[in-house]
PDB file of N, CA and C in Angstrom:
ATOM      1  N   VAL A   1     -40.706  15.878 -40.426  1.00  0.00           N
ATOM      2  CA  VAL A   1     -40.652  16.333 -39.188  1.00  0.00           C
ATOM      3  C   VAL A   1     -41.318  17.675 -38.925  1.00  0.00           C
ATOM      4  N   ASP A   2     -42.216  18.351 -38.402  1.00  0.00           N
ATOM      5  CA  ASP A   2     -42.930  19.296 -38.223  1.00  0.00           C
ATOM      6  C   ASP A   2     -42.460  20.049 -36.805  1.00  0.00           C
ATOM      7  N   ILE A   3     -42.016  21.355 -37.213  1.00  0.00           N
ATOM      8  CA  ILE A   3     -41.787  22.098 -35.979  1.00  0.00           C
ATOM      9  C   ILE A   3     -43.155  23.007 -35.712  1.00  0.00           C
ATOM     10  N   ASP A   4     -43.596  22.654 -34.527  1.00  0.00           N
ATOM     11  CA  ASP A   4     -44.763  23.549 -34.090  1.00  0.00           C
ATOM     12  C   ASP A   4     -44.438  24.499 -32.843  1.00  0.00           C
ATOM     13  N   TRP A   5     -43.588  25.480 -33.116  1.00  0.00           N
ATOM     14  CA  TRP A   5     -42.963  26.234 -32.462  1.00  0.00           C
ATOM     15  C   TRP A   5     -43.597  28.165 -32.593  1.00  0.00           C
ATOM     16  N   GLU A   6     -44.508  28.216 -32.051  1.00  0.00           N
ATOM     17  CA  GLU A   6     -45.717  29.469 -32.088  1.00  0.00           C
ATOM     18  C   GLU A   6     -44.523  30.627 -31.879  1.00  0.00           C
ATOM     19  N   PHE A   7     -44.233  30.682 -31.163  1.00  0.00           N
ATOM     20  CA  PHE A   7     -43.297  31.890 -30.539  1.00  0.00           C
ATOM     21  C   PHE A   7     -41.907  31.666 -30.601  1.00  0.00           C
ATOM     22  N   PRO A   8     -41.342  31.316 -31.830  1.00  0.00           N
ATOM     23  CA  PRO A   8     -39.597  31.112 -31.760  1.00  0.00           C
ATOM     24  C   PRO A   8     -39.019  32.293 -31.284  1.00  0.00           C
ATOM     25  N   THR A   9     -39.524  33.619 -31.506  1.00  0.00           N
ATOM     26  CA  THR A   9     -38.425  34.758 -31.068  1.00  0.00           C
ATOM     27  C   THR A   9     -39.049  36.078 -30.411  1.00  0.00           C
ATOM     28  N   ASN A  10     -39.936  35.446 -29.917  1.00  0.00           N
ATOM     29  CA  ASN A  10     -40.931  36.508 -28.720  1.00  0.00           C
ATOM     30  C   ASN A  10     -41.058  35.976 -27.633  1.00  0.00           C
ATOM     31  N   ASP A  11     -41.394  36.459 -26.468  1.00  0.00           N
ATOM     32  CA  ASP A  11     -41.897  35.914 -24.750  1.00  0.00           C
ATOM     33  C   ASP A  11     -43.274  36.015 -24.896  1.00  0.00           C
ATOM     34  N   MET A  12     -44.067  35.888 -26.033  1.00  0.00           N
ATOM     35  CA  MET A  12     -45.510  35.853 -25.751  1.00  0.00           C
ATOM     36  C   MET A  12     -45.532  34.100 -24.858  1.00  0.00           C
ATOM     37  N   GLY A  13     -45.148  33.169 -25.141  1.00  0.00           N
ATOM     38  CA  GLY A  13     -45.227  31.964 -25.401  1.00  0.00           C
ATOM     39  C   GLY A  13     -44.924  31.641 -24.414  1.00  0.00           C
ATOM     40  N   SER A  14     -44.743  32.659 -23.116  1.00  0.00           N
ATOM     41  CA  SER A  14     -43.743  32.262 -22.023  1.00  0.00           C
ATOM     42  C   SER A  14     -42.289  31.872 -21.575  1.00  0.00           C
ATOM     43  N   ILE A  15     -41.401  31.790 -22.827  1.00  0.00           N
ATOM     44  CA  ILE A  15     -40.698  31.637 -22.988  1.00  0.00           C
ATOM     45  C   ILE A  15     -39.429  32.797 -22.925  1.00  0.00           C
ATOM     46  N   ARG A  16     -38.033  32.891 -22.244  1.00  0.00           N
ATOM     47  CA  ARG A  16     -36.735  33.918 -22.554  1.00  0.00           C
ATOM     48  C   ARG A  16     -36.454  33.786 -24.161  1.00  0.00           C
ATOM     49  N   ALA A  17     -37.069  35.311 -24.553  1.00  0.00           N
ATOM     50  CA  ALA A  17     -36.602  35.264 -25.763  1.00  0.00           C
ATOM     51  C   ALA A  17     -35.093  35.942 -26.079  1.00  0.00           C
ATOM     52  N   ARG A  18     -34.283  35.885 -27.259  1.00  0.00           N
ATOM     53  CA  ARG A  18     -33.239  37.011 -26.853  1.00  0.00           C
ATOM     54  C   ARG A  18     -33.394  37.124 -28.458  1.00  0.00           C
ATOM     55  N   PRO A  19     -32.780  38.409 -28.768  1.00  0.00           N
ATOM     56  CA  PRO A  19     -32.893  38.823 -29.842  1.00  0.00           C
ATOM     57  C   PRO A  19     -32.107  38.120 -31.161  1.00  0.00           C
ATOM     58  N   GLU A  20     -31.051  37.261 -30.679  1.00  0.00           N
ATOM     59  CA  GLU A  20     -30.140  36.153 -31.161  1.00  0.00           C
ATOM     60  C   GLU A  20     -30.940  35.125 -31.966  1.00  0.00           C
ATOM     61  N   ASP A  21     -32.121  35.092 -31.438  1.00  0.00           N
ATOM     62  CA  ASP A  21     -32.536  33.573 -31.833  1.00  0.00           C
ATOM     63  C   ASP A  21     -33.766  33.543 -33.216  1.00  0.00           C
ATOM     64  N   ARG A  22     -33.913  34.873 -33.664  1.00  0.00           N
ATOM     65  CA  ARG A  22     -34.490  35.277 -35.041  1.00  0.00           C
ATOM     66  C   ARG A  22     -33.474  34.662 -36.003  1.00  0.00           C
ATOM     67  N   GLN A  23     -32.335  34.646 -36.111  1.00  0.00           N
ATOM     68  CA  GLN A  23     -30.833  33.531 -36.623  1.00  0.00           C
ATOM     69  C   GLN A  23     -30.991  32.705 -36.160  1.00  0.00           C
ATOM     70  N   ASN A  24     -31.299  32.039 -34.311  1.00  0.00           N
ATOM     71  CA  ASN A  24     -30.720  30.833 -34.282  1.00  0.00           C
ATOM     72  C   ASN A  24     -31.917  29.965 -35.202  1.00  0.00           C
ATOM     73  N   PHE A  25     -33.104  30.674 -35.047  1.00  0.00           N
ATOM     74  CA  PHE A  25     -34.452  29.343 -35.330  1.00  0.00           C
ATOM     75  C   PHE A  25     -34.215  29.201 -37.208  1.00  0.00           C
ATOM     76  N   THR A  26     -33.712  29.991 -37.660  1.00  0.00           N
ATOM     77  CA  THR A  26     -33.200  29.924 -39.169  1.00  0.00           C
ATOM     78  C   THR A  26     -32.066  29.237 -38.977  1.00  0.00           C
ATOM     79  N   LEU A  27     -31.295  28.835 -38.035  1.00  0.00           N
ATOM     80  CA  LEU A  27     -29.977  27.776 -37.983  1.00  0.00           C
ATOM     81  C   LEU A  27     -30.482  26.452 -37.920  1.00  0.00           C
ATOM     82  N   MET A  28     -31.100  26.492 -36.735  1.00  0.00           N
ATOM     83  CA  MET A  28     -31.462  25.026 -36.180  1.00  0.00           C
ATOM     84  C   MET A  28     -32.557  24.590 -37.626  1.00  0.00           C
ATOM     85  N   LEU A  29     -33.460  25.018 -38.642  1.00  0.00           N
ATOM     86  CA  LEU A  29     -33.729  24.576 -39.486  1.00  0.00           C
ATOM     87  C   LEU A  29     -32.676  24.197 -40.598  1.00  0.00           C
ATOM     88  N   ALA A  30     -31.882  24.861 -40.602  1.00  0.00           N
ATOM     89  CA  ALA A  30     -30.497  24.688 -41.876  1.00  0.00           C
ATOM     90  C   ALA A  30     -30.101  23.451 -41.213  1.00  0.00           C
ATOM     91  N   SER A  31     -29.989  23.269 -40.071  1.00  0.00           N
ATOM     92  CA  SER A  31     -28.986  21.946 -39.342  1.00  0.00           C
ATOM     93  C   SER A  31     -29.900  20.877 -39.652  1.00  0.00           C
ATOM     94  N   LEU A  32     -30.824  21.254 -39.563  1.00  0.00           N
ATOM     95  CA  LEU A  32     -32.014  20.075 -39.749  1.00  0.00           C
ATOM     96  C   LEU A  32     -32.601  19.721 -41.059  1.00  0.00           C
ATOM     97  N   ARG A  33     -32.564  20.569 -42.186  1.00  0.00           N
ATOM     98  CA  ARG A  33     -32.547  20.142 -43.263  1.00  0.00           C
ATOM     99  C   ARG A  33     -31.058  19.340 -43.644  1.00  0.00           C
ATOM    100  N   HIS A  34     -30.268  19.922 -43.493  1.00  0.00           N
ATOM    101  CA  HIS A  34     -29.146  18.790 -43.684  1.00  0.00           C
ATOM    102  C   HIS A  34     -28.774  17.812 -43.120  1.00  0.00           C
ATOM    103  N   ARG A  35     -29.286  17.522 -41.854  1.00  0.00           N
ATOM    104  CA  ARG A  35     -29.430  16.034 -41.257  1.00  0.00           C
ATOM    105  C   ARG A  35     -30.270  15.012 -42.443  1.00  0.00           C
ATOM    106  N   LEU A  36     -31.775  15.780 -42.017  1.00  0.00           N
ATOM    107  CA  LEU A  36     -32.827  14.991 -42.952  1.00  0.00           C
ATOM    108  C   LEU A  36     -32.374  14.665 -44.518  1.00  0.00           C
ATOM    109  N   ASP A  37     -31.712  15.785 -45.006  1.00  0.00           N
ATOM    110  CA  ASP A  37     -31.524  15.112 -46.203  1.00  0.00           C
ATOM    111  C   ASP A  37     -29.776  14.031 -46.368  1.00  0.00           C
ATOM    112  N   ALA A  38     -29.366  14.667 -45.408  1.00  0.00           N
ATOM    113  CA  ALA A  38     -28.163  13.289 -45.705  1.00  0.00           C
ATOM    114  C   ALA A  38     -28.824  11.793 -45.337  1.00  0.00           C
ATOM    115  N   LEU A  39     -29.654  12.044 -44.215  1.00  0.00           N
ATOM    116  CA  LEU A  39     -30.137  10.857 -43.848  1.00  0.00           C
ATOM    117  C   LEU A  39     -31.042   9.804 -44.956  1.00  0.00           C
ATOM    118  N   SER A  40     -32.004  10.823 -45.898  1.00  0.00           N
ATOM    119  CA  SER A  40     -32.410  10.501 -46.840  1.00  0.00           C
ATOM    120  C   SER A  40     -31.661   9.747 -47.675  1.00  0.00           C
ATOM    121  N   ASN A  41     -30.304  10.577 -48.282  1.00  0.00           N
ATOM    122  CA  ASN A  41     -29.438  10.045 -49.287  1.00  0.00           C
ATOM    123  C   ASN A  41     -28.837   8.695 -48.266  1.00  0.00           C
ATOM    124  N   ALA A  42     -28.625   8.570 -47.028  1.00  0.00           N
ATOM    125  CA  ALA A  42     -27.998   7.341 -46.811  1.00  0.00           C
ATOM    126  C   ALA A  42     -28.826   6.427 -47.220  1.00  0.00           C
ATOM    127  N   GLU A  43     -30.220   6.576 -46.996  1.00  0.00           N
ATOM    128  CA  GLU A  43     -31.227   5.636 -46.931  1.00  0.00           C
ATOM    129  C   GLU A  43     -31.664   5.066 -48.107  1.00  0.00           C
ATOM    130  N   GLN A  44     -31.496   5.767 -48.930  1.00  0.00           N
ATOM    131  CA  GLN A  44     -31.688   5.776 -50.424  1.00  0.00           C
ATOM    132  C   GLN A  44     -32.889   6.747 -50.599  1.00  0.00           C
ATOM    133  N   ARG A  45     -33.517   7.263 -49.911  1.00  0.00           N
ATOM    134  CA  ARG A  45     -34.861   7.538 -49.975  1.00  0.00           C
ATOM    135  C   ARG A  45     -34.925   9.184 -50.980  1.00  0.00           C
ATOM    136  N   VAL A  46     -35.802   8.744 -52.238  1.00  0.00           N
ATOM    137  CA  VAL A  46     -35.848   9.893 -53.109  1.00  0.00           C
ATOM    138  C   VAL A  46     -37.061  10.265 -53.263  1.00  0.00           C
ATOM    139  N   GLY A  47     -37.431  11.505 -53.989  1.00  0.00           N
ATOM    140  CA  GLY A  47     -38.410  11.868 -54.462  1.00  0.00           C
ATOM    141  C   GLY A  47     -39.967  11.944 -53.191  1.00  0.00           C
ATOM    142  N   LYS A  48     -40.821  11.503 -53.207  1.00  0.00           N
ATOM    143  CA  LYS A  48     -41.675  11.557 -52.337  1.00  0.00           C
ATOM    144  C   LYS A  48     -41.039  10.796 -50.773  1.00  0.00           C
ATOM    145  N   GLU A  49     -40.469  10.210 -50.834  1.00  0.00           N
ATOM    146  CA  GLU A  49     -39.849   9.114 -50.096  1.00  0.00           C
ATOM    147  C   GLU A  49     -38.768   9.560 -49.110  1.00  0.00           C
ATOM    148  N   ARG A  50     -38.461  11.035 -49.619  1.00  0.00           N
ATOM    149  CA  ARG A  50     -37.623  11.583 -49.162  1.00  0.00           C
ATOM    150  C   ARG A  50     -37.837  11.922 -47.297  1.00  0.00           C
ATOM    151  N   TYR A  51     -37.519  12.716 -46.327  1.00  0.00           N
ATOM    152  CA  TYR A  51     -37.726  12.754 -45.366  1.00  0.00           C
ATOM    153  C   TYR A  51     -38.055  14.853 -45.697  1.00  0.00           C
ATOM    154  N   LEU A  52     -38.838  14.565 -44.875  1.00  0.00           N
ATOM    155  CA  LEU A  52     -39.793  16.101 -44.682  1.00  0.00           C
ATOM    156  C   LEU A  52     -39.484  17.121 -43.722  1.00  0.00           C
ATOM    157  N   LEU A  53     -38.920  18.488 -44.191  1.00  0.00           N
ATOM    158  CA  LEU A  53     -39.405  19.340 -42.947  1.00  0.00           C
ATOM    159  C   LEU A  53     -40.436  20.076 -43.041  1.00  0.00           C
ATOM    160  N   THR A  54     -41.259  20.379 -42.120  1.00  0.00           N
ATOM    161  CA  THR A  54     -42.393  21.409 -41.495  1.00  0.00           C
ATOM    162  C   THR A  54     -42.222  22.173 -40.971  1.00  0.00           C
ATOM    163  N   ILE A  55     -42.955  23.660 -40.219  1.00  0.00           N
ATOM    164  CA  ILE A  55     -42.845  24.246 -39.738  1.00  0.00           C
ATOM    165  C   ILE A  55     -44.533  24.756 -39.712  1.00  0.00           C
ATOM    166  N   ALA A  56     -45.054  24.806 -38.275  1.00  0.00           N
ATOM    167  CA  ALA A  56     -46.388  25.613 -38.475  1.00  0.00           C
ATOM    168  C   ALA A  56     -46.033  26.992 -37.791  1.00  0.00           C
ATOM    169  N   ALA A  57     -46.864  27.749 -38.940  1.00  0.00           N
ATOM    170  CA  ALA A  57     -46.162  29.106 -38.482  1.00  0.00           C
ATOM    171  C   ALA A  57     -47.260  29.962 -38.296  1.00  0.00           C
ATOM    172  N   GLY A  58     -47.215  30.792 -37.324  1.00  0.00           N
ATOM    173  CA  GLY A  58     -48.006  31.869 -36.821  1.00  0.00           C
ATOM    174  C   GLY A  58     -48.776  32.780 -37.728  1.00  0.00           C
ATOM    175  N   ALA A  59     -49.710  33.365 -37.776  1.00  0.00           N
ATOM    176  CA  ALA A  59     -50.346  34.198 -38.692  1.00  0.00           C
ATOM    177  C   ALA A  59     -50.358  35.704 -38.792  1.00  0.00           C
ATOM    178  N   GLY A  60     -49.825  35.772 -37.426  1.00  0.00           N
ATOM    179  CA  GLY A  60     -49.824  37.506 -37.519  1.00  0.00           C
ATOM    180  C   GLY A  60     -48.537  38.255 -37.494  1.00  0.00           C
ATOM    181  N   GLN A  61     -48.408  39.266 -37.533  1.00  0.00           N
ATOM    182  CA  GLN A  61     -47.359  40.171 -37.993  1.00  0.00           C
ATOM    183  C   GLN A  61     -46.186  40.169 -36.993  1.00  0.00           C
ATOM    184  N   TYR A  62     -46.873  39.631 -35.838  1.00  0.00           N
ATOM    185  CA  TYR A  62     -45.398  39.222 -34.872  1.00  0.00           C
ATOM    186  C   TYR A  62     -44.445  37.883 -34.907  1.00  0.00           C
ATOM    187  N   TYR A  63     -45.253  36.843 -36.051  1.00  0.00           N
ATOM    188  CA  TYR A  63     -44.045  35.974 -36.262  1.00  0.00           C
ATOM    189  C   TYR A  63     -43.468  36.241 -37.476  1.00  0.00           C
ATOM    190  N   LEU A  64     -44.114  37.291 -38.442  1.00  0.00           N
ATOM    191  CA  LEU A  64     -43.296  38.012 -39.352  1.00  0.00           C
ATOM    192  C   LEU A  64     -42.167  38.748 -38.801  1.00  0.00           C
ATOM    193  N   ASP A  65     -42.692  39.317 -38.445  1.00  0.00           N
ATOM    194  CA  ASP A  65     -41.327  40.134 -37.637  1.00  0.00           C
ATOM    195  C   ASP A  65     -40.270  39.408 -36.862  1.00  0.00           C
ATOM    196  N   GLY A  66     -40.697  38.060 -36.746  1.00  0.00           N
ATOM    197  CA  GLY A  66     -39.614  37.299 -35.577  1.00  0.00           C
ATOM    198  C   GLY A  66     -38.935  36.612 -35.914  1.00  0.00           C
ATOM    199  N   VAL A  67     -38.994  35.850 -38.001  1.00  0.00           N
ATOM    200  CA  VAL A  67     -38.199  35.042 -38.173  1.00  0.00           C
ATOM    201  C   VAL A  67     -37.788  36.099 -39.550  1.00  0.00           C
ATOM    202  N   GLU A  68     -36.645  34.999 -40.082  1.00  0.00           N
ATOM    203  CA  GLU A  68     -36.104  35.177 -41.582  1.00  0.00           C
ATOM    204  C   GLU A  68     -37.026  34.483 -41.907  1.00  0.00           C
ATOM    205  N   LEU A  69     -38.074  35.256 -42.929  1.00  0.00           N
ATOM    206  CA  LEU A  69     -39.057  33.848 -43.331  1.00  0.00           C
ATOM    207  C   LEU A  69     -38.425  33.617 -44.896  1.00  0.00           C
ATOM    208  N   GLU A  70     -37.755  34.323 -45.770  1.00  0.00           N
ATOM    209  CA  GLU A  70     -37.466  33.921 -47.028  1.00  0.00           C
ATOM    210  C   GLU A  70     -35.914  32.744 -46.456  1.00  0.00           C
ATOM    211  N   GLN A  71     -35.622  32.826 -45.606  1.00  0.00           N
ATOM    212  CA  GLN A  71     -34.235  32.027 -45.492  1.00  0.00           C
ATOM    213  C   GLN A  71     -35.126  30.415 -44.780  1.00  0.00           C
ATOM    214  N   VAL A  72     -36.257  30.664 -43.553  1.00  0.00           N
ATOM    215  CA  VAL A  72     -36.835  29.658 -43.085  1.00  0.00           C
ATOM    216  C   VAL A  72     -37.421  28.770 -44.421  1.00  0.00           C
ATOM    217  N   ALA A  73     -37.662  29.783 -45.295  1.00  0.00           N
ATOM    218  CA  ALA A  73     -38.900  28.838 -46.370  1.00  0.00           C
ATOM    219  C   ALA A  73     -37.868  27.889 -47.266  1.00  0.00           C
ATOM    220  N   SER A  74     -36.803  28.658 -47.273  1.00  0.00           N
ATOM    221  CA  SER A  74     -35.607  27.648 -48.101  1.00  0.00           C
ATOM    222  C   SER A  74     -35.020  26.723 -47.604  1.00  0.00           C
ATOM    223  N   HIS A  75     -35.447  26.723 -46.046  1.00  0.00           N
ATOM    224  CA  HIS A  75     -35.064  25.170 -45.334  1.00  0.00           C
ATOM    225  C   HIS A  75     -36.026  23.731 -45.427  1.00  0.00           C
ATOM    226  N   CYS A  76     -37.753  24.254 -45.935  1.00  0.00           N
ATOM    227  CA  CYS A  76     -38.831  24.309 -45.517  1.00  0.00           C
ATOM    228  C   CYS A  76     -39.365  23.453 -46.610  1.00  0.00           C
ATOM    229  N   ASP A  77     -40.105  21.923 -46.706  1.00  0.00           N
ATOM    230  CA  ASP A  77     -40.924  21.528 -47.529  1.00  0.00           C
ATOM    231  C   ASP A  77     -42.420  22.273 -47.823  1.00  0.00           C
ATOM    232  N   PHE A  78     -42.550  22.119 -46.945  1.00  0.00           N
ATOM    233  CA  PHE A  78     -43.888  23.151 -46.815  1.00  0.00           C
ATOM    234  C   PHE A  78     -43.845  23.983 -45.546  1.00  0.00           C
ATOM    235  N   ILE A  79     -44.823  25.475 -45.334  1.00  0.00           N
ATOM    236  CA  ILE A  79     -45.311  25.696 -44.179  1.00  0.00           C
ATOM    237  C   ILE A  79     -46.614  26.006 -43.850  1.00  0.00           C
ATOM    238  N   ASN A  80     -46.825  25.319 -43.163  1.00  0.00           N
ATOM    239  CA  ASN A  80     -48.578  25.180 -42.661  1.00  0.00           C
ATOM    240  C   ASN A  80     -48.648  26.605 -41.541  1.00  0.00           C
ATOM    241  N   LEU A  81     -49.693  27.434 -42.557  1.00  0.00           N
ATOM    242  CA  LEU A  81     -50.003  28.540 -41.251  1.00  0.00           C
ATOM    243  C   LEU A  81     -51.183  28.113 -40.195  1.00  0.00           C
ATOM    244  N   MET A  82     -51.008  28.957 -39.330  1.00  0.00           N
ATOM    245  CA  MET A  82     -51.813  28.364 -38.241  1.00  0.00           C
ATOM    246  C   MET A  82     -52.972  29.616 -38.494  1.00  0.00           C
ATOM    247  N   SER A  83     -53.837  29.452 -39.057  1.00  0.00           N
ATOM    248  CA  SER A  83     -55.190  30.346 -39.682  1.00  0.00           C
ATOM    249  C   SER A  83     -56.352  30.512 -38.286  1.00  0.00           C
ATOM    250  N   TYR A  84     -56.349  29.491 -37.475  1.00  0.00           N
ATOM    251  CA  TYR A  84     -57.282  29.934 -36.454  1.00  0.00           C
ATOM    252  C   TYR A  84     -57.336  31.066 -35.745  1.00  0.00           C
ATOM    253  N   ASP A  85     -58.168  31.234 -34.754  1.00  0.00           N
ATOM    254  CA  ASP A  85     -58.858  32.569 -33.875  1.00  0.00           C
ATOM    255  C   ASP A  85     -58.289  33.429 -35.095  1.00  0.00           C
ATOM    256  N   LEU A  86     -58.774  33.581 -35.971  1.00  0.00           N
ATOM    257  CA  LEU A  86     -58.388  35.013 -36.462  1.00  0.00           C
ATOM    258  C   LEU A  86     -59.802  35.748 -36.876  1.00  0.00           C
ATOM    259  N   TYR A  87     -60.584  35.225 -36.558  1.00  0.00           N
ATOM    260  CA  TYR A  87     -62.448  35.595 -36.461  1.00  0.00           C
ATOM    261  C   TYR A  87     -62.483  36.068 -34.893  1.00  0.00           C
ATOM    262  N   GLY A  88     -62.902  37.340 -35.027  1.00  0.00           N
ATOM    263  CA  GLY A  88     -63.397  37.714 -33.633  1.00  0.00           C
ATOM    264  C   GLY A  88     -64.596  38.977 -33.572  1.00  0.00           C
ATOM    265  N   ALA A  89     -64.989  39.659 -32.848  1.00  0.00           N
ATOM    266  CA  ALA A  89     -66.160  40.949 -32.691  1.00  0.00           C
ATOM    267  C   ALA A  89     -65.125  41.833 -33.168  1.00  0.00           C
ATOM    268  N   TRP A  90     -64.023  41.736 -33.445  1.00  0.00           N
ATOM    269  CA  TRP A  90     -63.405  43.566 -33.467  1.00  0.00           C
ATOM    270  C   TRP A  90     -63.543  43.555 -35.422  1.00  0.00           C
TER     271      TRP A  90
END
């Protein structure tokens, strides 16, 4: 499962964000990790066959400030960095 939520904790994406969304994002990933692991175990999927949890993360400081990165990373198999649009005339 890949979660591509570019603005999980701020209003940049025209969503209503709340201060508690920083922790809620972490809790959502923890719950998904728990359920994917349980499903992998129930289906006897081991090693490379187990279900993966990944996220697409923003590359800006806004993203780092908006998530609990160490906790988020502990629940994910991979974090894919969205590195497009980083070049410009500035």
